[in-house]
Amino acid sequence: MRLFVAVLPPVEALQGLADVVAPVRELPGAERLRWTGVEGWHLTLAFLGEVPAGSLPELEAGLAAVAEVHPVHRLRIAGAGRFGDRVLWAGVEGQAWALRRLADAVTGATAEVTGATDDFAFHPHLTLARAGSSRGHRRAVQRVAAAELDGLVAALADYRGPEWDAAELHLVRSDLGGGFAHYETLRSWALADWS
């Protein structure tokens, strides 16, 4: 099964972002993006790829151990950016340093089980849209002009959502059937509450 580990923002935080994103989807260039649904917005800490079911107990034990020693922390969805000319994302503010430490610990714990390591530095974000087409079988990638993508980033740059507690770690299964990703949380662990 295809798995990743994530922090899931609460409904209120996602709704605030959804309200701001809705008019941005009408701007020039937006029609050439594949927009992710609110139900798929999450903060990926580690992508694990294909993991055999037999590895789940060891993987779950490692994630439980990580959750026990990493505290709840305050975050907010804020600002926006892009990865090259392919991905539009919303950023994260607040105790992002705690989120980075959590991501590092998750990567270490899961690499021992899956052998998967992430070659990219952790950059906390929620993916809002990707360049490309989900129609047809060939999925030809359409690049959005940099100026158009920058316009979308600028439209979201001043957004500052409500603060919320990142209080749980989630092991999530990703199903890519039908051209769209569907996510299912397999297991969750509460982060340490040191208050």
C-alpha atoms as a PDB file:
ATOM      1  CA  MET A   1       0.000   0.000   0.000  1.00  0.00           C
ATOM      2  CA  ARG A   2       1.111   3.572  -0.775  1.00  0.00           C
ATOM      3  CA  LEU A   3       1.612   5.481   2.496  1.00  0.00           C
ATOM      4  CA  PHE A   4       2.674   8.819   3.911  1.00  0.00           C
ATOM      5  CA  VAL A   5       2.791  10.424   7.362  1.00  0.00           C
ATOM      6  CA  ALA A   6       1.078  13.767   7.877  1.00  0.00           C
ATOM      7  CA  VAL A   7      -0.366  16.389  10.175  1.00  0.00           C
ATOM      8  CA  LEU A   8      -3.968  17.226   9.300  1.00  0.00           C
ATOM      9  CA  PRO A   9      -5.185  20.787   9.928  1.00  0.00           C
ATOM     10  CA  PRO A  10      -8.615  21.116  11.578  1.00  0.00           C
ATOM     11  CA  VAL A  11     -11.753  21.824   9.555  1.00  0.00           C
ATOM     12  CA  GLU A  12     -11.839  25.503  10.610  1.00  0.00           C
ATOM     13  CA  ALA A  13      -8.325  26.110   9.285  1.00  0.00           C
ATOM     14  CA  LEU A  14      -9.099  24.334   6.020  1.00  0.00           C
ATOM     15  CA  GLN A  15     -12.382  26.205   5.549  1.00  0.00           C
ATOM     16  CA  GLY A  16     -10.658  29.565   5.970  1.00  0.00           C
ATOM     17  CA  LEU A  17      -8.148  28.634   3.292  1.00  0.00           C
ATOM     18  CA  ALA A  18     -10.868  27.228   1.017  1.00  0.00           C
ATOM     19  CA  ASP A  19     -12.767  30.529   1.216  1.00  0.00           C
ATOM     20  CA  VAL A  20      -9.675  32.456   0.089  1.00  0.00           C
ATOM     21  CA  VAL A  21      -8.700  29.955  -2.617  1.00  0.00           C
ATOM     22  CA  ALA A  22     -12.147  29.892  -4.284  1.00  0.00           C
ATOM     23  CA  PRO A  23     -11.827  33.272  -6.084  1.00  0.00           C
ATOM     24  CA  VAL A  24      -8.160  32.575  -6.939  1.00  0.00           C
ATOM     25  CA  ARG A  25      -9.324  29.585  -8.970  1.00  0.00           C
ATOM     26  CA  GLU A  26     -10.982  32.072 -11.354  1.00  0.00           C
ATOM     27  CA  LEU A  27      -7.794  34.043 -12.092  1.00  0.00           C
ATOM     28  CA  PRO A  28      -5.867  33.758 -15.405  1.00  0.00           C
ATOM     29  CA  GLY A  29      -3.823  30.565 -15.564  1.00  0.00           C
ATOM     30  CA  ALA A  30      -5.836  28.855 -12.818  1.00  0.00           C
ATOM     31  CA  GLU A  31      -7.870  26.866 -15.327  1.00  0.00           C
ATOM     32  CA  ARG A  32      -4.714  25.065 -16.438  1.00  0.00           C
ATOM     33  CA  LEU A  33      -4.025  23.707 -12.969  1.00  0.00           C
ATOM     34  CA  ARG A  34      -5.295  20.510 -11.333  1.00  0.00           C
ATOM     35  CA  TRP A  35      -6.685  21.804  -8.047  1.00  0.00           C
ATOM     36  CA  THR A  36      -6.623  19.590  -4.977  1.00  0.00           C
ATOM     37  CA  GLY A  37      -9.783  19.216  -2.911  1.00  0.00           C
ATOM     38  CA  VAL A  38     -10.075  20.467   0.645  1.00  0.00           C
ATOM     39  CA  GLU A  39     -10.413  16.859   1.834  1.00  0.00           C
ATOM     40  CA  GLY A  40      -6.897  16.198   0.531  1.00  0.00           C
ATOM     41  CA  TRP A  41      -5.146  19.146   2.175  1.00  0.00           C
ATOM     42  CA  HIS A  42      -2.515  17.999   4.648  1.00  0.00           C
ATOM     43  CA  LEU A  43       1.058  18.654   5.771  1.00  0.00           C
ATOM     44  CA  THR A  44       3.161  15.725   4.575  1.00  0.00           C
ATOM     45  CA  LEU A  45       5.951  14.900   7.025  1.00  0.00           C
ATOM     46  CA  ALA A  46       7.318  11.880   5.128  1.00  0.00           C
ATOM     47  CA  PHE A  47       6.307  10.073   1.950  1.00  0.00           C
ATOM     48  CA  LEU A  48       6.872   6.339   2.404  1.00  0.00           C
ATOM     49  CA  GLY A  49       5.856   4.976  -0.999  1.00  0.00           C
ATOM     50  CA  GLU A  50       4.766   1.351  -1.326  1.00  0.00           C
ATOM     51  CA  VAL A  51       4.884  -0.418   2.042  1.00  0.00           C
ATOM     52  CA  PRO A  52       4.011  -4.123   2.508  1.00  0.00           C
ATOM     53  CA  ALA A  53       1.211  -4.803   4.999  1.00  0.00           C
ATOM     54  CA  GLY A  54       3.607  -6.980   7.011  1.00  0.00           C
ATOM     55  CA  SER A  55       5.693  -3.899   7.842  1.00  0.00           C
ATOM     56  CA  LEU A  56       2.790  -2.010   9.429  1.00  0.00           C
ATOM     57  CA  PRO A  57       3.265  -3.175  13.055  1.00  0.00           C
ATOM     58  CA  GLU A  58       6.915  -2.094  13.108  1.00  0.00           C
ATOM     59  CA  LEU A  59       6.091   1.148  11.302  1.00  0.00           C
ATOM     60  CA  GLU A  60       3.267   1.918  13.723  1.00  0.00           C
ATOM     61  CA  ALA A  61       5.499   1.222  16.732  1.00  0.00           C
ATOM     62  CA  GLY A  62       8.107   3.657  15.406  1.00  0.00           C
ATOM     63  CA  LEU A  63       5.529   6.381  14.808  1.00  0.00           C
ATOM     64  CA  ALA A  64       4.008   5.864  18.261  1.00  0.00           C
ATOM     65  CA  ALA A  65       7.471   6.340  19.786  1.00  0.00           C
ATOM     66  CA  VAL A  66       7.957   9.571  17.810  1.00  0.00           C
ATOM     67  CA  ALA A  67       4.570  10.947  18.913  1.00  0.00           C
ATOM     68  CA  GLU A  68       5.365  10.255  22.593  1.00  0.00           C
ATOM     69  CA  VAL A  69       8.352  12.612  22.605  1.00  0.00           C
ATOM     70  CA  HIS A  70       7.237  15.419  20.284  1.00  0.00           C
ATOM     71  CA  PRO A  71       4.919  18.057  21.725  1.00  0.00           C
ATOM     72  CA  VAL A  72       1.721  19.604  20.452  1.00  0.00           C
ATOM     73  CA  HIS A  73       2.585  22.845  18.668  1.00  0.00           C
ATOM     74  CA  ARG A  74       0.756  25.925  17.328  1.00  0.00           C
ATOM     75  CA  LEU A  75       0.557  26.518  13.594  1.00  0.00           C
ATOM     76  CA  ARG A  76      -1.396  28.550  11.096  1.00  0.00           C
ATOM     77  CA  ILE A  77      -1.797  28.302   7.341  1.00  0.00           C
ATOM     78  CA  ALA A  78      -0.273  31.453   5.909  1.00  0.00           C
ATOM     79  CA  GLY A  79       1.056  32.835   2.651  1.00  0.00           C
ATOM     80  CA  ALA A  80       1.707  30.956  -0.559  1.00  0.00           C
ATOM     81  CA  GLY A  81       4.448  30.016  -2.968  1.00  0.00           C
ATOM     82  CA  ARG A  82       5.333  27.733  -5.817  1.00  0.00           C
ATOM     83  CA  PHE A  83       7.717  24.922  -6.563  1.00  0.00           C
ATOM     84  CA  GLY A  84       9.064  25.825  -9.987  1.00  0.00           C
ATOM     85  CA  ASP A  85       6.295  26.039 -12.552  1.00  0.00           C
ATOM     86  CA  ARG A  86       4.534  22.900 -11.357  1.00  0.00           C
ATOM     87  CA  VAL A  87       3.058  23.331  -7.852  1.00  0.00           C
ATOM     88  CA  LEU A  88       1.099  26.086  -6.082  1.00  0.00           C
ATOM     89  CA  TRP A  89       1.111  25.771  -2.299  1.00  0.00           C
ATOM     90  CA  ALA A  90      -0.047  27.448   0.921  1.00  0.00           C
ATOM     91  CA  GLY A  91       2.570  27.908   3.614  1.00  0.00           C
ATOM     92  CA  VAL A  92       2.717  27.426   7.370  1.00  0.00           C
ATOM     93  CA  GLU A  93       3.672  29.824  10.169  1.00  0.00           C
ATOM     94  CA  GLY A  94       3.930  29.532  13.924  1.00  0.00           C
ATOM     95  CA  GLN A  95       5.999  26.842  15.578  1.00  0.00           C
ATOM     96  CA  ALA A  96       7.184  25.516  12.216  1.00  0.00           C
ATOM     97  CA  TRP A  97      10.495  24.589  13.865  1.00  0.00           C
ATOM     98  CA  ALA A  98       8.599  22.002  15.949  1.00  0.00           C
ATOM     99  CA  LEU A  99       6.958  20.678  12.791  1.00  0.00           C
ATOM    100  CA  ARG A 100      10.404  20.362  11.170  1.00  0.00           C
ATOM    101  CA  ARG A 101      11.731  18.419  14.172  1.00  0.00           C
ATOM    102  CA  LEU A 102       8.693  16.156  13.997  1.00  0.00           C
ATOM    103  CA  ALA A 103       9.256  15.580  10.267  1.00  0.00           C
ATOM    104  CA  ASP A 104      12.929  14.735  10.875  1.00  0.00           C
ATOM    105  CA  ALA A 105      12.003  12.249  13.585  1.00  0.00           C
ATOM    106  CA  VAL A 106       9.305  10.655  11.421  1.00  0.00           C
ATOM    107  CA  THR A 107      11.752  10.314   8.531  1.00  0.00           C
ATOM    108  CA  GLY A 108      14.288   8.648  10.806  1.00  0.00           C
ATOM    109  CA  ALA A 109      11.765   6.249  12.321  1.00  0.00           C
ATOM    110  CA  THR A 110      10.167   5.257   9.030  1.00  0.00           C
ATOM    111  CA  ALA A 111      13.441   4.892   7.098  1.00  0.00           C
ATOM    112  CA  GLU A 112      14.451   2.110   9.486  1.00  0.00           C
ATOM    113  CA  VAL A 113      11.355   0.144   8.427  1.00  0.00           C
ATOM    114  CA  THR A 114      10.760   1.108   4.792  1.00  0.00           C
ATOM    115  CA  GLY A 115      14.236   2.051   3.635  1.00  0.00           C
ATOM    116  CA  ALA A 116      12.643   5.145   2.066  1.00  0.00           C
ATOM    117  CA  THR A 117      14.443   8.437   2.488  1.00  0.00           C
ATOM    118  CA  ASP A 118      13.365  11.832   1.244  1.00  0.00           C
ATOM    119  CA  ASP A 119      15.991  13.568  -0.872  1.00  0.00           C
ATOM    120  CA  PHE A 120      14.324  16.962  -0.469  1.00  0.00           C
ATOM    121  CA  ALA A 121      14.571  19.281   2.515  1.00  0.00           C
ATOM    122  CA  PHE A 122      11.311  19.457   4.466  1.00  0.00           C
ATOM    123  CA  HIS A 123       9.277  22.513   3.472  1.00  0.00           C
ATOM    124  CA  PRO A 124       5.963  22.649   5.344  1.00  0.00           C
ATOM    125  CA  HIS A 125       3.124  23.337   2.901  1.00  0.00           C
ATOM    126  CA  LEU A 126      -0.300  22.274   1.675  1.00  0.00           C
ATOM    127  CA  THR A 127      -0.394  21.554  -2.054  1.00  0.00           C
ATOM    128  CA  LEU A 128      -3.228  23.557  -3.600  1.00  0.00           C
ATOM    129  CA  ALA A 129      -2.721  22.809  -7.298  1.00  0.00           C
ATOM    130  CA  ARG A 130      -0.410  21.175  -9.815  1.00  0.00           C
ATOM    131  CA  ALA A 131       0.258  21.965 -13.449  1.00  0.00           C
ATOM    132  CA  GLY A 132      -1.076  19.288 -15.739  1.00  0.00           C
ATOM    133  CA  SER A 133      -4.240  17.614 -16.847  1.00  0.00           C
ATOM    134  CA  SER A 134      -6.188  14.833 -15.189  1.00  0.00           C
ATOM    135  CA  ARG A 135      -8.242  14.173 -18.330  1.00  0.00           C
ATOM    136  CA  GLY A 136      -7.492  11.354 -20.731  1.00  0.00           C
ATOM    137  CA  HIS A 137      -4.969   8.562 -20.477  1.00  0.00           C
ATOM    138  CA  ARG A 138      -1.795  10.433 -21.428  1.00  0.00           C
ATOM    139  CA  ARG A 139      -1.882  13.149 -18.737  1.00  0.00           C
ATOM    140  CA  ALA A 140       0.034  15.638 -20.837  1.00  0.00           C
ATOM    141  CA  VAL A 141       1.624  18.258 -18.617  1.00  0.00           C
ATOM    142  CA  GLN A 142       0.746  21.850 -19.384  1.00  0.00           C
ATOM    143  CA  ARG A 143       3.099  24.321 -17.844  1.00  0.00           C
ATOM    144  CA  VAL A 144       1.553  27.470 -16.480  1.00  0.00           C
ATOM    145  CA  ALA A 145       3.428  30.612 -17.471  1.00  0.00           C
ATOM    146  CA  ALA A 146       5.594  31.821 -14.575  1.00  0.00           C
ATOM    147  CA  ALA A 147       3.896  35.222 -14.557  1.00  0.00           C
ATOM    148  CA  GLU A 148       0.461  33.588 -14.248  1.00  0.00           C
ATOM    149  CA  LEU A 149       1.612  31.330 -11.429  1.00  0.00           C
ATOM    150  CA  ASP A 150       3.208  34.297  -9.689  1.00  0.00           C
ATOM    151  CA  GLY A 151      -0.147  36.083  -9.952  1.00  0.00           C
ATOM    152  CA  LEU A 152      -1.843  33.211  -8.141  1.00  0.00           C
ATOM    153  CA  VAL A 153       0.856  33.220  -5.452  1.00  0.00           C
ATOM    154  CA  ALA A 154       0.452  37.000  -5.029  1.00  0.00           C
ATOM    155  CA  ALA A 155      -3.306  36.614  -4.614  1.00  0.00           C
ATOM    156  CA  LEU A 156      -2.736  34.295  -1.633  1.00  0.00           C
ATOM    157  CA  ALA A 157       0.427  35.885  -0.211  1.00  0.00           C
ATOM    158  CA  ASP A 158      -1.288  37.945   2.514  1.00  0.00           C
ATOM    159  CA  TYR A 159      -3.512  35.148   3.803  1.00  0.00           C
ATOM    160  CA  ARG A 160      -3.142  34.379   7.519  1.00  0.00           C
ATOM    161  CA  GLY A 161      -5.531  31.722   8.802  1.00  0.00           C
ATOM    162  CA  PRO A 162      -6.513  31.004  12.390  1.00  0.00           C
ATOM    163  CA  GLU A 163      -3.995  29.407  14.724  1.00  0.00           C
ATOM    164  CA  TRP A 164      -4.517  25.758  15.616  1.00  0.00           C
ATOM    165  CA  ASP A 165      -2.840  22.990  17.571  1.00  0.00           C
ATOM    166  CA  ALA A 166      -0.972  20.328  15.608  1.00  0.00           C
ATOM    167  CA  ALA A 167      -1.819  17.597  18.090  1.00  0.00           C
ATOM    168  CA  GLU A 168      -1.768  14.342  16.119  1.00  0.00           C
ATOM    169  CA  LEU A 169       0.407  12.345  13.788  1.00  0.00           C
ATOM    170  CA  HIS A 170      -1.412  10.397  11.032  1.00  0.00           C
ATOM    171  CA  LEU A 171      -0.402   7.395   8.946  1.00  0.00           C
ATOM    172  CA  VAL A 172      -2.296   7.814   5.669  1.00  0.00           C
ATOM    173  CA  ARG A 173      -2.930   5.504   2.735  1.00  0.00           C
ATOM    174  CA  SER A 174      -3.033   7.128  -0.703  1.00  0.00           C
ATOM    175  CA  ASP A 175      -5.097   5.565  -3.490  1.00  0.00           C
ATOM    176  CA  LEU A 176      -4.442   7.071  -6.920  1.00  0.00           C
ATOM    177  CA  GLY A 177      -7.268   5.242  -8.687  1.00  0.00           C
ATOM    178  CA  GLY A 178      -9.411   7.208 -11.125  1.00  0.00           C
ATOM    179  CA  GLY A 179      -6.812   9.922 -11.713  1.00  0.00           C
ATOM    180  CA  PHE A 180      -7.385  11.602  -8.354  1.00  0.00           C
ATOM    181  CA  ALA A 181      -5.767  10.838  -5.013  1.00  0.00           C
ATOM    182  CA  HIS A 182      -8.020   9.554  -2.241  1.00  0.00           C
ATOM    183  CA  TYR A 183      -6.686   9.480   1.304  1.00  0.00           C
ATOM    184  CA  GLU A 184      -7.576   7.265   4.245  1.00  0.00           C
ATOM    185  CA  THR A 185      -6.086   7.630   7.721  1.00  0.00           C
ATOM    186  CA  LEU A 186      -5.026   4.174   8.892  1.00  0.00           C
ATOM    187  CA  ARG A 187      -3.858   5.176  12.369  1.00  0.00           C
ATOM    188  CA  SER A 188      -3.332   8.319  14.442  1.00  0.00           C
ATOM    189  CA  TRP A 189      -1.243   9.100  17.509  1.00  0.00           C
ATOM    190  CA  ALA A 190      -1.611  12.024  19.893  1.00  0.00           C
ATOM    191  CA  LEU A 191       1.488  14.164  20.259  1.00  0.00           C
ATOM    192  CA  ALA A 192       2.857  14.763  23.759  1.00  0.00           C
ATOM    193  CA  ASP A 193       0.935  17.319  25.821  1.00  0.00           C
ATOM    194  CA  TRP A 194       3.496  19.019  28.048  1.00  0.00           C
ATOM    195  CA  SER A 195       1.248  21.866  29.194  1.00  0.00           C
END
